Amino acid sequence: MSSVAGYQIGYTALSALYITPLAVLWFISFCLAPRKHDPARVGISWLKAVFPLWILGLLLVLASGSVLLWVRYDENGYDSDLPVVLQAVDHVSATGNFLLQLASIFLFITFVELAGGYMFCLQNPHETSRTRKIGRISILGWSVVLFAMVLTVFALHHSYAVTYAHVYDGYHTGASFSAQMTMTRMELAVRVLLWITSIPMVGLASFTVHKTKNHQLLRSVWPPSPLPMGSIIFLVATILDFIRHIINMAIFAQGYVDLAVVYIVEPFFHFTLMFVVLVMLFALAIRKATGLWSKPQPDWAYPTVTYVHTMPYPPGQVPVGMVPGQPQYMQQQQPMQGMPAYLQVAQQQQGQQQGYYYYPQPTQQQPQQMHQQPQQMQQQQQPQQPQPVHQQQTQEQPRTTENV
C-alpha cells in the first residue's frame, strides 16, 4: 500500500469518526435543549441548525473519500470510467466543503446570539437591548457576505469540473490552469475571512465573561464547582474555533505541503476541534437552573436568595438584634415571579458592595407585619395636633353634684 493510499484512509476515517456522536447529540438536543420561546435562547436554535449542516458535510466528505479508495483497490479496474468517477468525486467533495463552511457561518451567528442572550439576562426582561439588536443585524449582514463568497467558490468548483472535464484525462491547458488558480484564490479568501471573523468572537466571549463575573449562575455552577460552566464554556468554545480557523487557513495558504499535513493534520484539527466546540455548546444548552434562561421554570431548584427590604428601622425604635439604619430582609426559597434567580443573587451582591450588611431577625414575621411595623412607629412619633376649645370641653368629665 502506497503512502498516498494510507493518507486517504486516514482522511476518510477522520471524517467518519464524529458523524455518529454528533447525530446522537443533535437528536438529544430536541428533548434536552428546548428553547421554550425564551428570548435569551435564540442561539440554541441556531446551534441546532449547525449540527445537521456539519453532519451532512462530513457524510459527503466520507462518500468522496470512500469512492476514491474503492477505485484504487477495485480488482476489476474500471480504467475507462476513471475520469467520470473522479469528476463525480469532485462534485461531491465541493458540495461537502460548501456545507462545512456554511456550518461555520451559522456557528458565528450562534456565538453572537449566545452573547446577546447573556446580556439579555443581565438586564430588565421588559426592556429592549439596542446593543443586541445592532449585533444581530451586523452578524447577519456579514454572514450574507460570507455566504456569497462561499457560494461563489461552490459554483467555481462545479463549473470547473464541468467545463474542463478533459483535465481528468490528464490533459491540462492554459485556460484550465488559470481557472484552477482563480478557484484556489477564492478558496483562500474565504478561509482568511472565516479566520478574521473568529477573532471578534473571542473578544465578544471575553466581554461576556467579564459582564457575568459577579453572577455565579451565569458564569459557573451553583454552588461553585471546579468544572467551568456558563459563560466560561462560551469563551473556551470561541477560542477553539479561532484555533481551528487559523490552522485551516495557514495550511491551505502554504500551497503544496507534505501529504501527511494535507490528509491527516489539517483534517484532524478541523474536524476534532469543531466536534469539541459543538459538544461544549451542547453542554451549555442542556443546562437548566444554572443555564442560559431568562424564563426559569417553577419546578427548578434555585439557591436561597435574600430579598432586601428598603425601609430601615428609625433610630431609637429598633428591635433587639437589629442595627439602626440597616434594612430588614426576608428569605425567599423560590425565585420572585418574572425574575431569574441569578438576577436576585446579583442584586444581593450589589447591595453588599454598596455597604449593606444583613443581620438575622430574632423572630419569624409575616411580610405584612414587617411592612406595617415602620408605619406604626411613624404614627407614634407624630406630634398630636391641638384640638379646638369646644372639643376639649366635651372631652372633660361632667361635674357631679358632690363637686358642686
Protein backbone atom coordinates (compact mmCIF):
# COMPACT_ATOMS: atom_id res chain seq x y z
CA MET A 1 0.00 0.00 0.00
CA SER A 2 1.40 3.38 -1.05
CA SER A 3 1.68 6.34 1.30
CA VAL A 4 -1.00 8.26 -0.63
CA ALA A 5 -3.47 5.44 -0.08
CA GLY A 6 -2.68 5.36 3.62
CA TYR A 7 -3.25 9.08 3.92
CA GLN A 8 -6.57 8.77 2.08
CA ILE A 9 -7.66 6.08 4.51
CA GLY A 10 -6.73 8.30 7.45
CA TYR A 11 -8.61 11.26 5.96
CA THR A 12 -11.71 9.16 5.36
CA ALA A 13 -11.56 7.69 8.87
CA LEU A 14 -11.30 11.14 10.47
CA SER A 15 -14.35 12.35 8.56
CA ALA A 16 -16.36 9.31 9.67
CA LEU A 17 -15.24 9.37 13.30
CA TYR A 18 -17.54 12.13 14.54
CA ILE A 19 -20.68 11.59 12.43
CA THR A 20 -22.45 9.18 14.78
CA PRO A 21 -21.85 11.04 18.10
CA LEU A 22 -22.86 14.36 16.54
CA ALA A 23 -26.04 12.83 15.16
CA VAL A 24 -26.88 11.45 18.62
CA LEU A 25 -26.30 14.83 20.25
CA TRP A 26 -28.42 16.55 17.63
CA PHE A 27 -31.40 14.27 18.27
CA ILE A 28 -30.99 14.58 22.04
CA SER A 29 -30.91 18.38 21.79
CA PHE A 30 -34.55 18.45 20.68
CA CYS A 31 -35.54 16.89 24.02
CA LEU A 32 -32.99 18.26 26.48
CA ALA A 33 -32.30 21.70 24.99
CA PRO A 34 -35.67 23.25 24.13
CA ARG A 35 -35.99 26.96 23.55
CA LYS A 36 -39.50 27.35 25.05
CA HIS A 37 -39.93 30.80 23.46
CA ASP A 38 -37.19 32.22 25.69
CA PRO A 39 -35.64 35.36 24.10
CA ALA A 40 -32.28 34.52 25.70
CA ARG A 41 -32.08 31.16 23.90
CA VAL A 42 -32.18 32.24 20.26
CA GLY A 43 -28.62 30.99 19.89
CA ILE A 44 -29.74 27.47 20.83
CA SER A 45 -31.96 27.39 17.74
CA TRP A 46 -29.03 28.40 15.54
CA LEU A 47 -26.91 25.73 17.23
CA LYS A 48 -29.44 23.09 16.25
CA ALA A 49 -29.05 24.26 12.64
CA VAL A 50 -25.25 23.87 12.79
CA PHE A 51 -25.43 20.16 13.65
CA PRO A 52 -27.19 18.86 10.50
CA LEU A 53 -25.08 21.03 8.17
CA TRP A 54 -21.83 19.78 9.67
CA ILE A 55 -23.03 16.16 9.76
CA LEU A 56 -24.17 16.23 6.13
CA GLY A 57 -20.89 17.83 5.09
CA LEU A 58 -18.93 15.08 6.84
CA LEU A 59 -21.09 12.46 5.13
CA LEU A 60 -20.27 13.87 1.70
CA VAL A 61 -16.55 14.05 2.54
CA LEU A 62 -16.77 10.43 3.69
CA ALA A 63 -18.55 9.45 0.47
CA SER A 64 -15.97 11.10 -1.76
CA GLY A 65 -13.07 9.51 0.13
CA SER A 66 -14.72 6.09 0.09
CA VAL A 67 -15.23 6.26 -3.68
CA LEU A 68 -11.59 7.14 -4.24
CA LEU A 69 -10.50 4.19 -2.10
CA TRP A 70 -12.91 1.89 -3.93
CA VAL A 71 -11.48 2.95 -7.30
CA ARG A 72 -7.93 2.46 -6.07
CA TYR A 73 -8.44 -1.02 -4.62
CA ASP A 74 -11.05 -2.37 -7.01
CA GLU A 75 -9.71 -5.55 -8.65
CA ASN A 76 -11.84 -5.19 -11.77
CA GLY A 77 -10.06 -1.95 -12.65
CA TYR A 78 -12.53 0.36 -14.34
CA ASP A 79 -9.84 2.46 -16.03
CA SER A 80 -12.15 3.67 -18.75
CA ASP A 81 -14.61 5.06 -16.22
CA LEU A 82 -11.95 6.66 -14.03
CA PRO A 83 -12.34 10.23 -15.41
CA VAL A 84 -16.11 10.11 -14.84
CA VAL A 85 -15.64 8.81 -11.32
CA LEU A 86 -13.09 11.49 -10.48
CA GLN A 87 -15.39 14.18 -11.84
CA ALA A 88 -18.26 12.90 -9.68
CA VAL A 89 -15.96 12.81 -6.66
CA ASP A 90 -15.06 16.47 -7.23
CA HIS A 91 -18.74 17.41 -7.35
CA VAL A 92 -19.47 15.58 -4.10
CA SER A 93 -16.36 16.93 -2.37
CA ALA A 94 -17.17 20.53 -3.41
CA THR A 95 -20.70 20.16 -2.03
CA GLY A 96 -19.38 18.76 1.25
CA ASN A 97 -16.89 21.61 1.61
CA PHE A 98 -19.70 24.10 0.93
CA LEU A 99 -21.83 22.63 3.74
CA LEU A 100 -18.91 22.63 6.19
CA GLN A 101 -18.20 26.31 5.54
CA LEU A 102 -21.90 27.13 5.77
CA ALA A 103 -21.97 25.44 9.18
CA SER A 104 -19.05 27.65 10.25
CA ILE A 105 -21.04 30.75 9.25
CA PHE A 106 -24.04 29.51 11.26
CA LEU A 107 -21.71 28.94 14.20
CA PHE A 108 -20.69 32.62 14.14
CA ILE A 109 -24.36 33.61 14.33
CA THR A 110 -24.75 31.18 17.23
CA PHE A 111 -21.90 32.85 19.12
CA VAL A 112 -23.39 36.32 18.69
CA GLU A 113 -26.86 35.17 19.74
CA LEU A 114 -25.49 33.40 22.83
CA ALA A 115 -23.64 36.56 23.86
CA GLY A 116 -26.82 38.53 23.29
CA GLY A 117 -28.70 36.03 25.43
CA TYR A 118 -26.33 36.59 28.33
CA MET A 119 -26.71 40.35 28.00
CA PHE A 120 -30.47 39.93 27.91
CA CYS A 121 -30.37 38.00 31.19
CA LEU A 122 -28.43 40.80 32.85
CA GLN A 123 -30.99 43.48 32.08
CA ASN A 124 -34.68 44.02 32.65
CA PRO A 125 -36.55 41.43 30.58
CA HIS A 126 -39.14 44.06 29.61
CA GLU A 127 -36.52 46.39 28.11
CA THR A 128 -35.24 46.12 24.53
CA SER A 129 -31.47 45.99 24.13
CA ARG A 130 -30.20 48.28 21.39
CA THR A 131 -26.74 46.70 21.54
CA ARG A 132 -28.16 43.24 20.99
CA LYS A 133 -30.19 44.45 18.01
CA ILE A 134 -27.15 46.11 16.44
CA GLY A 135 -25.03 42.98 16.99
CA ARG A 136 -27.69 40.79 15.44
CA ILE A 137 -28.03 42.98 12.35
CA SER A 138 -24.24 43.21 11.97
CA ILE A 139 -23.59 39.47 12.13
CA LEU A 140 -26.48 38.71 9.79
CA GLY A 141 -25.20 41.25 7.26
CA TRP A 142 -21.65 39.93 7.46
CA SER A 143 -22.94 36.36 7.20
CA VAL A 144 -24.64 37.27 3.92
CA VAL A 145 -21.26 38.46 2.59
CA LEU A 146 -19.55 35.25 3.73
CA PHE A 147 -22.35 33.15 2.25
CA ALA A 148 -21.99 34.94 -1.10
CA MET A 149 -18.27 34.17 -1.21
CA VAL A 150 -18.75 30.55 -0.12
CA LEU A 151 -21.45 30.16 -2.77
CA THR A 152 -19.08 31.64 -5.37
CA VAL A 153 -16.40 29.09 -4.54
CA PHE A 154 -19.04 26.34 -4.67
CA ALA A 155 -20.11 27.48 -8.15
CA LEU A 156 -16.50 27.75 -9.37
CA HIS A 157 -15.77 24.17 -8.29
CA HIS A 158 -18.75 22.76 -10.17
CA SER A 159 -18.11 24.95 -13.18
CA TYR A 160 -14.51 23.82 -13.34
CA ALA A 161 -15.50 20.15 -13.09
CA VAL A 162 -17.95 20.54 -15.98
CA THR A 163 -16.08 22.96 -18.27
CA TYR A 164 -12.65 21.38 -18.01
CA ALA A 165 -13.60 17.73 -17.86
CA HIS A 166 -10.60 16.86 -20.01
CA VAL A 167 -8.27 17.51 -17.06
CA TYR A 168 -9.44 14.22 -15.56
CA ASP A 169 -7.85 12.51 -18.56
CA GLY A 170 -4.53 14.18 -17.76
CA TYR A 171 -4.73 16.99 -20.34
CA HIS A 172 -4.19 20.46 -18.88
CA THR A 173 -4.44 23.68 -20.83
CA GLY A 174 -3.68 27.29 -20.05
CA ALA A 175 -7.36 28.05 -19.55
CA SER A 176 -7.84 25.18 -17.11
CA PHE A 177 -4.76 26.20 -15.17
CA SER A 178 -5.98 29.82 -14.95
CA ALA A 179 -9.44 28.70 -13.79
CA GLN A 180 -7.86 26.49 -11.15
CA MET A 181 -5.76 29.37 -9.82
CA THR A 182 -8.83 31.61 -9.62
CA MET A 183 -10.68 28.92 -7.71
CA THR A 184 -7.76 28.48 -5.31
CA ARG A 185 -7.51 32.22 -4.62
CA MET A 186 -11.22 32.46 -3.88
CA GLU A 187 -11.00 29.47 -1.54
CA LEU A 188 -8.09 31.08 0.29
CA ALA A 189 -10.00 34.38 0.58
CA VAL A 190 -12.95 32.55 2.16
CA ARG A 191 -10.73 30.82 4.71
CA VAL A 192 -8.99 34.09 5.58
CA LEU A 193 -12.33 35.82 6.12
CA LEU A 194 -13.57 32.98 8.31
CA TRP A 195 -10.43 33.27 10.42
CA ILE A 196 -10.81 37.07 10.68
CA THR A 197 -14.44 36.64 11.75
CA SER A 198 -13.42 34.26 14.54
CA ILE A 199 -11.24 36.96 16.16
CA PRO A 200 -14.05 39.30 17.34
CA MET A 201 -15.95 36.24 18.55
CA VAL A 202 -13.22 35.65 21.13
CA GLY A 203 -13.41 39.29 22.19
CA LEU A 204 -17.19 39.12 22.44
CA ALA A 205 -16.99 36.00 24.62
CA SER A 206 -14.35 37.63 26.84
CA PHE A 207 -16.62 40.65 27.31
CA THR A 208 -19.48 38.31 28.21
CA VAL A 209 -17.38 36.59 30.87
CA HIS A 210 -16.40 39.99 32.26
CA LYS A 211 -20.03 41.12 32.48
CA THR A 212 -21.07 37.91 34.24
CA LYS A 213 -18.12 37.71 36.64
CA ASN A 214 -20.32 38.54 39.64
CA HIS A 215 -23.13 36.19 38.65
CA GLN A 216 -22.26 32.64 39.65
CA LEU A 217 -25.32 31.13 38.00
CA LEU A 218 -24.36 32.59 34.62
CA ARG A 219 -20.60 32.20 34.82
CA SER A 220 -20.37 28.83 36.59
CA VAL A 221 -22.44 26.35 38.54
CA TRP A 222 -24.04 26.98 41.92
CA PRO A 223 -22.59 26.18 44.38
CA PRO A 224 -19.09 26.87 42.99
CA SER A 225 -17.57 23.90 41.24
CA PRO A 226 -14.09 23.21 39.81
CA LEU A 227 -15.74 22.45 36.45
CA PRO A 228 -16.00 25.55 34.24
CA MET A 229 -19.57 26.20 33.16
CA GLY A 230 -21.74 29.01 31.87
CA SER A 231 -20.08 31.86 30.04
CA ILE A 232 -16.64 30.30 30.55
CA ILE A 233 -17.72 27.42 28.31
CA PHE A 234 -18.75 30.01 25.77
CA LEU A 235 -15.30 31.65 25.90
CA VAL A 236 -13.41 28.35 25.54
CA ALA A 237 -15.59 27.37 22.56
CA THR A 238 -14.76 30.60 20.71
CA ILE A 239 -11.04 30.16 21.39
CA LEU A 240 -11.08 26.61 19.99
CA ASP A 241 -12.98 27.81 16.93
CA PHE A 242 -10.35 30.52 16.40
CA ILE A 243 -7.57 27.91 16.57
CA ARG A 244 -9.45 25.73 14.08
CA HIS A 245 -9.75 28.51 11.53
CA ILE A 246 -6.18 29.74 11.84
CA ILE A 247 -4.76 26.22 11.31
CA ASN A 248 -7.12 25.59 8.39
CA MET A 249 -6.16 28.89 6.76
CA ALA A 250 -2.42 28.58 7.38
CA ILE A 251 -2.13 25.08 5.90
CA PHE A 252 -4.14 25.98 2.81
CA ALA A 253 -2.08 29.16 2.29
CA GLN A 254 1.14 27.13 2.19
CA GLY A 255 0.08 25.55 -1.10
CA TYR A 256 1.86 22.31 -1.86
CA VAL A 257 2.90 20.91 1.50
CA ASP A 258 3.51 17.41 2.76
CA LEU A 259 0.70 14.93 2.13
CA ALA A 260 0.59 13.99 5.81
CA VAL A 261 -0.27 17.60 6.65
CA VAL A 262 -2.99 17.81 3.98
CA TYR A 263 -4.65 14.45 4.69
CA ILE A 264 -4.02 13.98 8.42
CA VAL A 265 -3.01 17.13 10.34
CA GLU A 266 -5.43 19.61 8.75
CA PRO A 267 -8.50 17.32 8.94
CA PHE A 268 -7.63 16.29 12.50
CA PHE A 269 -7.69 19.86 13.80
CA HIS A 270 -10.56 20.89 11.52
CA PHE A 271 -12.89 18.01 12.44
CA THR A 272 -11.80 17.39 16.03
CA LEU A 273 -11.88 20.99 17.23
CA MET A 274 -15.28 21.53 15.66
CA PHE A 275 -16.54 18.39 17.39
CA VAL A 276 -15.28 19.68 20.76
CA VAL A 277 -16.89 23.09 20.17
CA LEU A 278 -20.26 21.54 19.36
CA VAL A 279 -20.11 19.27 22.41
CA MET A 280 -19.31 22.23 24.69
CA LEU A 281 -22.17 24.30 23.28
CA PHE A 282 -24.47 21.29 23.64
CA ALA A 283 -23.48 21.04 27.33
CA LEU A 284 -24.25 24.75 27.70
CA ALA A 285 -27.64 24.36 26.01
CA ILE A 286 -28.96 21.48 28.12
CA ARG A 287 -28.31 23.18 31.48
CA LYS A 288 -31.48 24.11 33.35
CA ALA A 289 -31.34 26.07 36.60
CA THR A 290 -27.72 27.15 36.00
CA GLY A 291 -28.07 27.52 32.25
CA LEU A 292 -28.91 30.33 29.87
CA TRP A 293 -32.54 31.09 30.72
CA SER A 294 -34.42 34.33 31.22
CA LYS A 295 -37.68 32.49 31.99
CA PRO A 296 -36.89 29.91 34.70
CA GLN A 297 -39.31 27.06 35.15
CA PRO A 298 -41.16 26.83 38.51
CA ASP A 299 -40.03 23.26 39.19
CA TRP A 300 -36.32 24.10 39.07
CA ALA A 301 -34.36 24.18 42.35
CA TYR A 302 -32.68 27.52 42.98
CA PRO A 303 -30.46 28.58 45.90
CA THR A 304 -31.94 30.60 48.75
CA VAL A 305 -32.00 34.26 47.77
CA THR A 306 -32.07 37.29 50.07
CA TYR A 307 -34.66 39.92 49.26
CA VAL A 308 -33.66 43.32 50.67
CA HIS A 309 -36.41 45.44 52.20
CA THR A 310 -35.72 49.13 51.60
CA MET A 311 -37.32 50.68 54.73
CA PRO A 312 -34.97 50.63 57.77
CA TYR A 313 -35.97 50.93 61.42
CA PRO A 314 -35.78 54.52 62.67
CA PRO A 315 -33.21 55.26 65.41
CA GLY A 316 -34.47 54.76 68.91
CA GLN A 317 -37.08 52.18 67.99
CA VAL A 318 -35.00 49.22 66.85
CA PRO A 319 -35.98 45.69 67.96
CA VAL A 320 -33.49 43.51 69.76
CA GLY A 321 -30.94 42.06 67.35
CA MET A 322 -31.27 44.78 64.69
CA VAL A 323 -28.94 47.69 63.92
CA PRO A 324 -30.19 51.30 63.42
CA GLY A 325 -30.38 52.38 59.80
CA GLN A 326 -29.99 48.86 58.42
CA PRO A 327 -32.65 47.31 56.15
CA GLN A 328 -34.71 44.28 57.03
CA TYR A 329 -34.79 41.18 54.91
CA MET A 330 -36.78 38.01 54.47
CA GLN A 331 -35.80 34.71 52.90
CA GLN A 332 -37.37 33.57 49.64
CA GLN A 333 -36.96 29.88 48.85
CA GLN A 334 -38.43 30.31 45.35
CA PRO A 335 -37.35 32.96 42.82
CA MET A 336 -39.54 36.03 42.55
CA GLN A 337 -42.10 35.95 39.78
CA GLY A 338 -40.71 37.16 36.47
CA MET A 339 -37.09 37.46 37.65
CA PRO A 340 -34.43 34.73 37.30
CA ALA A 341 -32.57 33.66 40.39
CA TYR A 342 -29.20 34.88 39.15
CA LEU A 343 -30.61 38.42 38.95
CA GLN A 344 -31.65 38.18 42.59
CA VAL A 345 -28.17 36.96 43.50
CA ALA A 346 -26.75 39.88 41.54
CA GLN A 347 -28.92 42.32 43.49
CA GLN A 348 -27.74 40.83 46.77
CA GLN A 349 -24.08 41.10 45.71
CA GLN A 350 -24.62 44.66 44.53
CA GLY A 351 -26.11 45.58 47.90
CA GLN A 352 -23.12 44.08 49.70
CA GLN A 353 -20.74 46.07 47.52
CA GLN A 354 -22.59 49.27 48.44
CA GLY A 355 -22.06 48.65 52.16
CA TYR A 356 -25.27 46.97 53.27
CA TYR A 357 -24.98 44.28 55.89
CA TYR A 358 -27.70 41.79 56.65
CA TYR A 359 -28.50 40.70 60.19
CA PRO A 360 -30.77 37.82 61.11
CA GLN A 361 -34.11 38.63 62.64
CA PRO A 362 -34.79 37.31 66.16
CA THR A 363 -38.26 36.01 65.25
CA GLN A 364 -40.06 34.96 62.10
CA GLN A 365 -42.53 37.62 61.00
CA GLN A 366 -45.00 37.73 58.22
CA PRO A 367 -44.21 40.09 55.33
CA GLN A 368 -47.35 42.17 56.03
CA GLN A 369 -46.32 42.64 59.66
CA MET A 370 -42.84 43.69 58.57
CA HIS A 371 -44.32 46.39 56.34
CA GLN A 372 -46.80 47.52 58.99
CA GLN A 373 -44.24 47.96 61.82
CA PRO A 374 -42.47 51.03 60.38
CA GLN A 375 -45.85 52.66 59.63
CA GLN A 376 -46.99 52.14 63.24
CA MET A 377 -43.76 53.58 64.59
CA GLN A 378 -44.08 56.61 62.34
CA GLN A 379 -47.60 57.20 63.65
CA GLN A 380 -46.36 57.03 67.23
CA GLN A 381 -43.70 59.65 66.53
CA GLN A 382 -46.12 62.18 65.00
CA PRO A 383 -46.99 65.02 67.49
CA GLN A 384 -50.61 65.42 68.47
CA GLN A 385 -52.38 68.39 66.89
CA PRO A 386 -54.07 70.92 69.33
CA GLN A 387 -57.80 70.44 69.48
CA PRO A 388 -60.42 73.23 69.48
CA VAL A 389 -61.74 74.53 72.80
CA HIS A 390 -65.27 73.24 72.36
CA GLN A 391 -63.88 69.72 71.75
CA GLN A 392 -61.73 69.94 74.86
CA GLN A 393 -64.81 70.94 76.91
CA THR A 394 -66.82 68.00 75.63
CA GLN A 395 -63.99 65.65 76.46
CA GLU A 396 -63.82 66.86 80.08
CA GLN A 397 -65.58 64.79 82.73
CA PRO A 398 -69.06 66.06 83.73
CA ARG A 399 -69.30 67.66 87.16
CA THR A 400 -71.35 65.80 89.69
CA THR A 401 -73.47 67.27 92.46
CA GLU A 402 -70.86 66.36 95.01
CA ASN A 403 -68.29 68.57 93.25
CA VAL A 404 -70.77 71.40 93.18
